């Protein structure tokens, strides 16, 4: 299991995307997402993430370079995993886990759940609006592009959305980070922490790694 200590960067939630990128380039921890867990899906784009935290948010910035860049979905809680998509899964302190799945244009699916199909509670519009999102691509659908493309997105997840009291900050989060593209021309499923299952399945908290805060 991977374990990473996250740095604190004040004021990330108040920054523009450019300011955020500069701050995280200098102060965040960087890790690769490069575990190819299933032989039938061998393609592995170049993917990494920067992660840090502020007083009230966990921030993750993803970098992607690879094939299959396209976005069919523009609305929140659409099936964005079918597009070129990055994901953050976080264990809930009271059981279950949260999944945050964002395609290359910043459309987000977010929910709390007990498993892939059980106890699923998608976030309402008010909660979704509080999750900070940035993308290098405009928020509009586009057909899959030919060849290798590069893009980046960032997400800021409020700690209270993860079940912490207002002003409370966790000292550790169990997480995994993913890159997928179920309906792209080159389907792929890669992860930060390895997943030991027979078939592709990101909804497995037993394979989460740890982020240490503070």
C-alpha atoms as a PDB file:
ATOM      1  CA  UNK A   1       0.000   0.000   0.000  1.00  0.00           C
ATOM      2  CA  UNK A   2       1.322   3.434  -0.934  1.00  0.00           C
ATOM      3  CA  UNK A   3       1.522   6.151   1.716  1.00  0.00           C
ATOM      4  CA  UNK A   4       2.277   9.799   0.923  1.00  0.00           C
ATOM      5  CA  UNK A   5       2.613  12.848   3.167  1.00  0.00           C
ATOM      6  CA  UNK A   6       0.753  15.822   1.713  1.00  0.00           C
ATOM      7  CA  UNK A   7       2.042  19.377   2.076  1.00  0.00           C
ATOM      8  CA  UNK A   8      -0.126  22.259   3.284  1.00  0.00           C
ATOM      9  CA  UNK A   9      -0.570  25.235   0.939  1.00  0.00           C
ATOM     10  CA  UNK A  10      -2.644  28.125   2.266  1.00  0.00           C
ATOM     11  CA  UNK A  11      -5.354  29.727   0.157  1.00  0.00           C
ATOM     12  CA  UNK A  12      -5.609  27.240  -2.711  1.00  0.00           C
ATOM     13  CA  UNK A  13      -9.388  27.604  -2.836  1.00  0.00           C
ATOM     14  CA  UNK A  14      -9.060  31.324  -3.580  1.00  0.00           C
ATOM     15  CA  UNK A  15      -6.649  30.978  -6.493  1.00  0.00           C
ATOM     16  CA  UNK A  16      -7.216  31.118 -10.221  1.00  0.00           C
ATOM     17  CA  UNK A  17      -6.239  28.005 -12.164  1.00  0.00           C
ATOM     18  CA  UNK A  18      -2.964  29.641 -13.157  1.00  0.00           C
ATOM     19  CA  UNK A  19      -2.140  30.606  -9.579  1.00  0.00           C
ATOM     20  CA  UNK A  20      -3.127  27.141  -8.386  1.00  0.00           C
ATOM     21  CA  UNK A  21      -0.849  25.498 -10.953  1.00  0.00           C
ATOM     22  CA  UNK A  22       2.091  27.680  -9.901  1.00  0.00           C
ATOM     23  CA  UNK A  23       1.516  27.024  -6.198  1.00  0.00           C
ATOM     24  CA  UNK A  24       1.178  23.272  -6.632  1.00  0.00           C
ATOM     25  CA  UNK A  25       4.133  23.080  -9.022  1.00  0.00           C
ATOM     26  CA  UNK A  26       6.334  24.445  -6.263  1.00  0.00           C
ATOM     27  CA  UNK A  27       4.677  23.023  -3.179  1.00  0.00           C
ATOM     28  CA  UNK A  28       2.606  19.890  -3.880  1.00  0.00           C
ATOM     29  CA  UNK A  29       3.644  16.244  -3.866  1.00  0.00           C
ATOM     30  CA  UNK A  30       3.685  14.520  -7.280  1.00  0.00           C
ATOM     31  CA  UNK A  31       2.952  10.856  -7.978  1.00  0.00           C
ATOM     32  CA  UNK A  32       2.382   8.749 -11.075  1.00  0.00           C
ATOM     33  CA  UNK A  33      -0.783   6.842 -11.940  1.00  0.00           C
ATOM     34  CA  UNK A  34       0.733   3.893 -13.755  1.00  0.00           C
ATOM     35  CA  UNK A  35      -0.522   0.584 -12.367  1.00  0.00           C
ATOM     36  CA  UNK A  36      -1.887  -1.504 -15.248  1.00  0.00           C
ATOM     37  CA  UNK A  37      -3.932  -4.066 -13.347  1.00  0.00           C
ATOM     38  CA  UNK A  38      -5.629  -6.012 -16.150  1.00  0.00           C
ATOM     39  CA  UNK A  39      -3.848  -7.649 -19.099  1.00  0.00           C
ATOM     40  CA  UNK A  40      -6.767  -7.246 -21.471  1.00  0.00           C
ATOM     41  CA  UNK A  41      -6.419  -3.452 -21.125  1.00  0.00           C
ATOM     42  CA  UNK A  42      -2.668  -2.863 -21.487  1.00  0.00           C
ATOM     43  CA  UNK A  43      -2.705   0.751 -22.642  1.00  0.00           C
ATOM     44  CA  UNK A  44      -1.232   3.173 -20.097  1.00  0.00           C
ATOM     45  CA  UNK A  45      -1.284   6.894 -20.902  1.00  0.00           C
ATOM     46  CA  UNK A  46       1.200   9.153 -19.163  1.00  0.00           C
ATOM     47  CA  UNK A  47      -0.647  10.295 -16.041  1.00  0.00           C
ATOM     48  CA  UNK A  48       0.485  11.964 -12.838  1.00  0.00           C
ATOM     49  CA  UNK A  49      -1.093  14.062 -10.109  1.00  0.00           C
ATOM     50  CA  UNK A  50      -0.081  16.806  -7.716  1.00  0.00           C
ATOM     51  CA  UNK A  51      -1.787  16.799  -4.331  1.00  0.00           C
ATOM     52  CA  UNK A  52      -1.861  19.197  -1.391  1.00  0.00           C
ATOM     53  CA  UNK A  53      -4.329  20.514   1.151  1.00  0.00           C
ATOM     54  CA  UNK A  54      -5.464  23.888   2.413  1.00  0.00           C
ATOM     55  CA  UNK A  55      -7.433  24.744   5.538  1.00  0.00           C
ATOM     56  CA  UNK A  56     -10.701  23.404   4.146  1.00  0.00           C
ATOM     57  CA  UNK A  57      -9.951  21.458   0.945  1.00  0.00           C
ATOM     58  CA  UNK A  58      -8.082  18.541  -0.539  1.00  0.00           C
ATOM     59  CA  UNK A  59      -6.667  19.612  -3.919  1.00  0.00           C
ATOM     60  CA  UNK A  60      -5.574  17.294  -6.719  1.00  0.00           C
ATOM     61  CA  UNK A  61      -4.254  18.380 -10.110  1.00  0.00           C
ATOM     62  CA  UNK A  62      -3.993  15.737 -12.850  1.00  0.00           C
ATOM     63  CA  UNK A  63      -1.732  15.755 -15.915  1.00  0.00           C
ATOM     64  CA  UNK A  64      -2.640  13.475 -18.833  1.00  0.00           C
ATOM     65  CA  UNK A  65      -0.832  12.752 -22.086  1.00  0.00           C
ATOM     66  CA  UNK A  66      -2.191   9.993 -24.294  1.00  0.00           C
ATOM     67  CA  UNK A  67      -4.709   8.659 -26.755  1.00  0.00           C
ATOM     68  CA  UNK A  68      -8.488   8.715 -26.597  1.00  0.00           C
ATOM     69  CA  UNK A  69      -9.082  12.329 -25.601  1.00  0.00           C
ATOM     70  CA  UNK A  70     -12.732  13.190 -26.068  1.00  0.00           C
ATOM     71  CA  UNK A  71     -15.779  14.341 -24.096  1.00  0.00           C
ATOM     72  CA  UNK A  72     -19.389  13.430 -24.839  1.00  0.00           C
ATOM     73  CA  UNK A  73     -20.792  14.535 -21.474  1.00  0.00           C
ATOM     74  CA  UNK A  74     -21.023  18.092 -20.167  1.00  0.00           C
ATOM     75  CA  UNK A  75     -23.480  17.813 -17.253  1.00  0.00           C
ATOM     76  CA  UNK A  76     -22.672  16.852 -13.689  1.00  0.00           C
ATOM     77  CA  UNK A  77     -23.492  13.261 -12.724  1.00  0.00           C
ATOM     78  CA  UNK A  78     -23.466  12.185 -16.370  1.00  0.00           C
ATOM     79  CA  UNK A  79     -21.566   8.908 -17.076  1.00  0.00           C
ATOM     80  CA  UNK A  80     -18.270  10.764 -17.457  1.00  0.00           C
ATOM     81  CA  UNK A  81     -16.179   7.591 -16.968  1.00  0.00           C
ATOM     82  CA  UNK A  82     -16.982   6.753 -20.574  1.00  0.00           C
ATOM     83  CA  UNK A  83     -14.986   9.819 -21.687  1.00  0.00           C
ATOM     84  CA  UNK A  84     -11.316  10.447 -21.040  1.00  0.00           C
ATOM     85  CA  UNK A  85     -11.645  10.652 -17.273  1.00  0.00           C
ATOM     86  CA  UNK A  86      -9.667  10.942 -14.021  1.00  0.00           C
ATOM     87  CA  UNK A  87     -10.988   9.927 -10.624  1.00  0.00           C
ATOM     88  CA  UNK A  88     -10.440  10.387  -6.879  1.00  0.00           C
ATOM     89  CA  UNK A  89     -11.959   7.829  -4.499  1.00  0.00           C
ATOM     90  CA  UNK A  90     -11.891   8.600  -0.761  1.00  0.00           C
ATOM     91  CA  UNK A  91     -12.912   6.324   2.122  1.00  0.00           C
ATOM     92  CA  UNK A  92     -15.678   7.777   4.307  1.00  0.00           C
ATOM     93  CA  UNK A  93     -14.972   8.013   8.026  1.00  0.00           C
ATOM     94  CA  UNK A  94     -18.346   6.400   8.828  1.00  0.00           C
ATOM     95  CA  UNK A  95     -18.017   3.540   6.318  1.00  0.00           C
ATOM     96  CA  UNK A  96     -18.338   3.339   2.558  1.00  0.00           C
ATOM     97  CA  UNK A  97     -16.520   5.760   0.286  1.00  0.00           C
ATOM     98  CA  UNK A  98     -16.858   8.765  -1.984  1.00  0.00           C
ATOM     99  CA  UNK A  99     -16.162   8.717  -5.716  1.00  0.00           C
ATOM    100  CA  UNK A 100     -15.295  11.854  -7.662  1.00  0.00           C
ATOM    101  CA  UNK A 101     -15.044  11.178 -11.411  1.00  0.00           C
ATOM    102  CA  UNK A 102     -14.201  14.059 -13.749  1.00  0.00           C
ATOM    103  CA  UNK A 103     -13.790  14.033 -17.500  1.00  0.00           C
ATOM    104  CA  UNK A 104     -11.291  16.131 -19.425  1.00  0.00           C
ATOM    105  CA  UNK A 105     -13.616  19.163 -19.628  1.00  0.00           C
ATOM    106  CA  UNK A 106     -14.515  19.240 -15.933  1.00  0.00           C
ATOM    107  CA  UNK A 107     -17.915  17.521 -15.895  1.00  0.00           C
ATOM    108  CA  UNK A 108     -18.106  15.712 -12.563  1.00  0.00           C
ATOM    109  CA  UNK A 109     -19.893  12.671 -11.180  1.00  0.00           C
ATOM    110  CA  UNK A 110     -19.791  12.549  -7.378  1.00  0.00           C
ATOM    111  CA  UNK A 111     -21.476  10.292  -4.842  1.00  0.00           C
ATOM    112  CA  UNK A 112     -21.209   8.575  -1.512  1.00  0.00           C
ATOM    113  CA  UNK A 113     -21.795   4.833  -1.633  1.00  0.00           C
ATOM    114  CA  UNK A 114     -21.365   1.535   0.204  1.00  0.00           C
ATOM    115  CA  UNK A 115     -20.330  -0.264  -2.985  1.00  0.00           C
ATOM    116  CA  UNK A 116     -20.533   0.141  -6.737  1.00  0.00           C
ATOM    117  CA  UNK A 117     -24.294  -0.516  -6.763  1.00  0.00           C
ATOM    118  CA  UNK A 118     -25.438  -0.298  -3.134  1.00  0.00           C
ATOM    119  CA  UNK A 119     -26.230   2.698  -0.975  1.00  0.00           C
ATOM    120  CA  UNK A 120     -25.484   5.215  -3.722  1.00  0.00           C
ATOM    121  CA  UNK A 121     -26.241   8.868  -2.892  1.00  0.00           C
ATOM    122  CA  UNK A 122     -25.295  11.256  -5.692  1.00  0.00           C
ATOM    123  CA  UNK A 123     -24.516  14.785  -4.586  1.00  0.00           C
ATOM    124  CA  UNK A 124     -27.129  17.435  -5.211  1.00  0.00           C
ATOM    125  CA  UNK A 125     -26.513  20.564  -7.281  1.00  0.00           C
ATOM    126  CA  UNK A 126     -25.747  22.727  -4.250  1.00  0.00           C
ATOM    127  CA  UNK A 127     -23.031  20.352  -3.056  1.00  0.00           C
ATOM    128  CA  UNK A 128     -21.604  19.923  -6.554  1.00  0.00           C
ATOM    129  CA  UNK A 129     -21.291  23.693  -6.880  1.00  0.00           C
ATOM    130  CA  UNK A 130     -18.984  23.765  -3.841  1.00  0.00           C
ATOM    131  CA  UNK A 131     -16.482  21.364  -5.396  1.00  0.00           C
ATOM    132  CA  UNK A 132     -13.831  23.467  -7.144  1.00  0.00           C
ATOM    133  CA  UNK A 133     -12.951  22.426 -10.685  1.00  0.00           C
ATOM    134  CA  UNK A 134     -10.523  23.666 -13.314  1.00  0.00           C
ATOM    135  CA  UNK A 135      -9.631  22.357 -16.770  1.00  0.00           C
ATOM    136  CA  UNK A 136      -7.311  23.373 -19.583  1.00  0.00           C
ATOM    137  CA  UNK A 137     -10.123  22.439 -21.998  1.00  0.00           C
ATOM    138  CA  UNK A 138     -13.388  24.394 -22.403  1.00  0.00           C
ATOM    139  CA  UNK A 139     -16.590  22.957 -20.919  1.00  0.00           C
ATOM    140  CA  UNK A 140     -18.063  21.760 -24.200  1.00  0.00           C
ATOM    141  CA  UNK A 141     -18.439  18.346 -25.813  1.00  0.00           C
ATOM    142  CA  UNK A 142     -16.056  17.355 -28.584  1.00  0.00           C
ATOM    143  CA  UNK A 143     -15.363  14.244 -30.654  1.00  0.00           C
ATOM    144  CA  UNK A 144     -12.348  12.139 -29.812  1.00  0.00           C
ATOM    145  CA  UNK A 145      -9.200  13.705 -31.188  1.00  0.00           C
ATOM    146  CA  UNK A 146      -6.667  11.844 -33.308  1.00  0.00           C
ATOM    147  CA  UNK A 147      -3.263  11.048 -31.913  1.00  0.00           C
ATOM    148  CA  UNK A 148      -1.678  11.987 -28.618  1.00  0.00           C
ATOM    149  CA  UNK A 149      -3.183  14.895 -26.673  1.00  0.00           C
ATOM    150  CA  UNK A 150      -2.274  16.627 -23.431  1.00  0.00           C
ATOM    151  CA  UNK A 151      -4.651  18.118 -20.878  1.00  0.00           C
ATOM    152  CA  UNK A 152      -4.903  18.912 -17.200  1.00  0.00           C
ATOM    153  CA  UNK A 153      -7.689  19.249 -14.652  1.00  0.00           C
ATOM    154  CA  UNK A 154      -7.792  20.125 -10.972  1.00  0.00           C
ATOM    155  CA  UNK A 155     -10.335  19.451  -8.241  1.00  0.00           C
ATOM    156  CA  UNK A 156     -10.741  20.944  -4.774  1.00  0.00           C
ATOM    157  CA  UNK A 157     -12.874  18.809  -2.455  1.00  0.00           C
ATOM    158  CA  UNK A 158     -14.131  20.481   0.749  1.00  0.00           C
ATOM    159  CA  UNK A 159     -13.431  18.434   3.850  1.00  0.00           C
ATOM    160  CA  UNK A 160     -16.997  18.933   5.071  1.00  0.00           C
ATOM    161  CA  UNK A 161     -18.237  17.233   1.892  1.00  0.00           C
ATOM    162  CA  UNK A 162     -16.197  14.236   3.094  1.00  0.00           C
ATOM    163  CA  UNK A 163     -18.097  14.219   6.387  1.00  0.00           C
ATOM    164  CA  UNK A 164     -15.888  16.428   8.564  1.00  0.00           C
ATOM    165  CA  UNK A 165     -17.276  19.201  10.739  1.00  0.00           C
ATOM    166  CA  UNK A 166     -16.927  22.793   9.583  1.00  0.00           C
ATOM    167  CA  UNK A 167     -13.314  23.782  10.197  1.00  0.00           C
ATOM    168  CA  UNK A 168     -12.232  20.213  10.966  1.00  0.00           C
ATOM    169  CA  UNK A 169      -9.383  18.701   8.966  1.00  0.00           C
ATOM    170  CA  UNK A 170      -8.488  15.007   8.684  1.00  0.00           C
ATOM    171  CA  UNK A 171      -5.028  13.760   9.593  1.00  0.00           C
ATOM    172  CA  UNK A 172      -5.219  10.852   7.159  1.00  0.00           C
ATOM    173  CA  UNK A 173      -7.333   9.959   4.136  1.00  0.00           C
ATOM    174  CA  UNK A 174      -7.526   6.547   2.489  1.00  0.00           C
ATOM    175  CA  UNK A 175      -7.701   7.106  -1.271  1.00  0.00           C
ATOM    176  CA  UNK A 176      -6.993   5.869  -4.741  1.00  0.00           C
ATOM    177  CA  UNK A 177      -6.513   7.804  -7.971  1.00  0.00           C
ATOM    178  CA  UNK A 178      -7.460   6.538 -11.415  1.00  0.00           C
ATOM    179  CA  UNK A 179      -7.396   7.237 -15.134  1.00  0.00           C
ATOM    180  CA  UNK A 180      -9.927   5.548 -17.403  1.00  0.00           C
ATOM    181  CA  UNK A 181     -11.761   5.853 -20.691  1.00  0.00           C
ATOM    182  CA  UNK A 182     -14.351   3.119 -21.007  1.00  0.00           C
ATOM    183  CA  UNK A 183     -15.785   4.179 -24.367  1.00  0.00           C
ATOM    184  CA  UNK A 184     -12.684   5.681 -25.946  1.00  0.00           C
ATOM    185  CA  UNK A 185     -10.947   4.102 -28.931  1.00  0.00           C
ATOM    186  CA  UNK A 186      -8.307   2.704 -26.555  1.00  0.00           C
ATOM    187  CA  UNK A 187     -10.131   1.623 -23.364  1.00  0.00           C
ATOM    188  CA  UNK A 188      -7.846   1.784 -20.319  1.00  0.00           C
ATOM    189  CA  UNK A 189      -7.991   1.443 -16.541  1.00  0.00           C
ATOM    190  CA  UNK A 190      -4.908   2.515 -14.594  1.00  0.00           C
ATOM    191  CA  UNK A 191      -4.540   3.286 -10.907  1.00  0.00           C
ATOM    192  CA  UNK A 192      -2.189   4.868  -8.369  1.00  0.00           C
ATOM    193  CA  UNK A 193      -2.419   2.026  -5.860  1.00  0.00           C
ATOM    194  CA  UNK A 194      -2.527  -1.488  -7.364  1.00  0.00           C
ATOM    195  CA  UNK A 195      -5.883  -3.300  -7.520  1.00  0.00           C
ATOM    196  CA  UNK A 196      -5.859  -7.075  -7.274  1.00  0.00           C
ATOM    197  CA  UNK A 197      -9.149  -8.138  -8.841  1.00  0.00           C
ATOM    198  CA  UNK A 198      -9.991 -10.440 -11.717  1.00  0.00           C
ATOM    199  CA  UNK A 199     -11.896  -7.805 -13.691  1.00  0.00           C
ATOM    200  CA  UNK A 200     -11.545  -4.006 -13.840  1.00  0.00           C
ATOM    201  CA  UNK A 201     -13.063  -2.575 -10.662  1.00  0.00           C
ATOM    202  CA  UNK A 202     -12.123   0.772  -9.149  1.00  0.00           C
ATOM    203  CA  UNK A 203     -14.782   0.438  -6.431  1.00  0.00           C
ATOM    204  CA  UNK A 204     -12.525  -1.514  -4.061  1.00  0.00           C
ATOM    205  CA  UNK A 205     -11.620   0.448  -0.902  1.00  0.00           C
ATOM    206  CA  UNK A 206      -9.488  -2.434   0.370  1.00  0.00           C
ATOM    207  CA  UNK A 207      -6.867  -1.351  -2.170  1.00  0.00           C
ATOM    208  CA  UNK A 208      -6.795   2.342  -1.240  1.00  0.00           C
ATOM    209  CA  UNK A 209      -3.522   3.966  -0.256  1.00  0.00           C
ATOM    210  CA  UNK A 210      -3.031   6.663   2.385  1.00  0.00           C
ATOM    211  CA  UNK A 211      -2.564  10.417   2.299  1.00  0.00           C
ATOM    212  CA  UNK A 212      -1.113  11.836   5.504  1.00  0.00           C
ATOM    213  CA  UNK A 213      -2.106  15.425   6.331  1.00  0.00           C
ATOM    214  CA  UNK A 214      -0.440  17.540   8.962  1.00  0.00           C
END
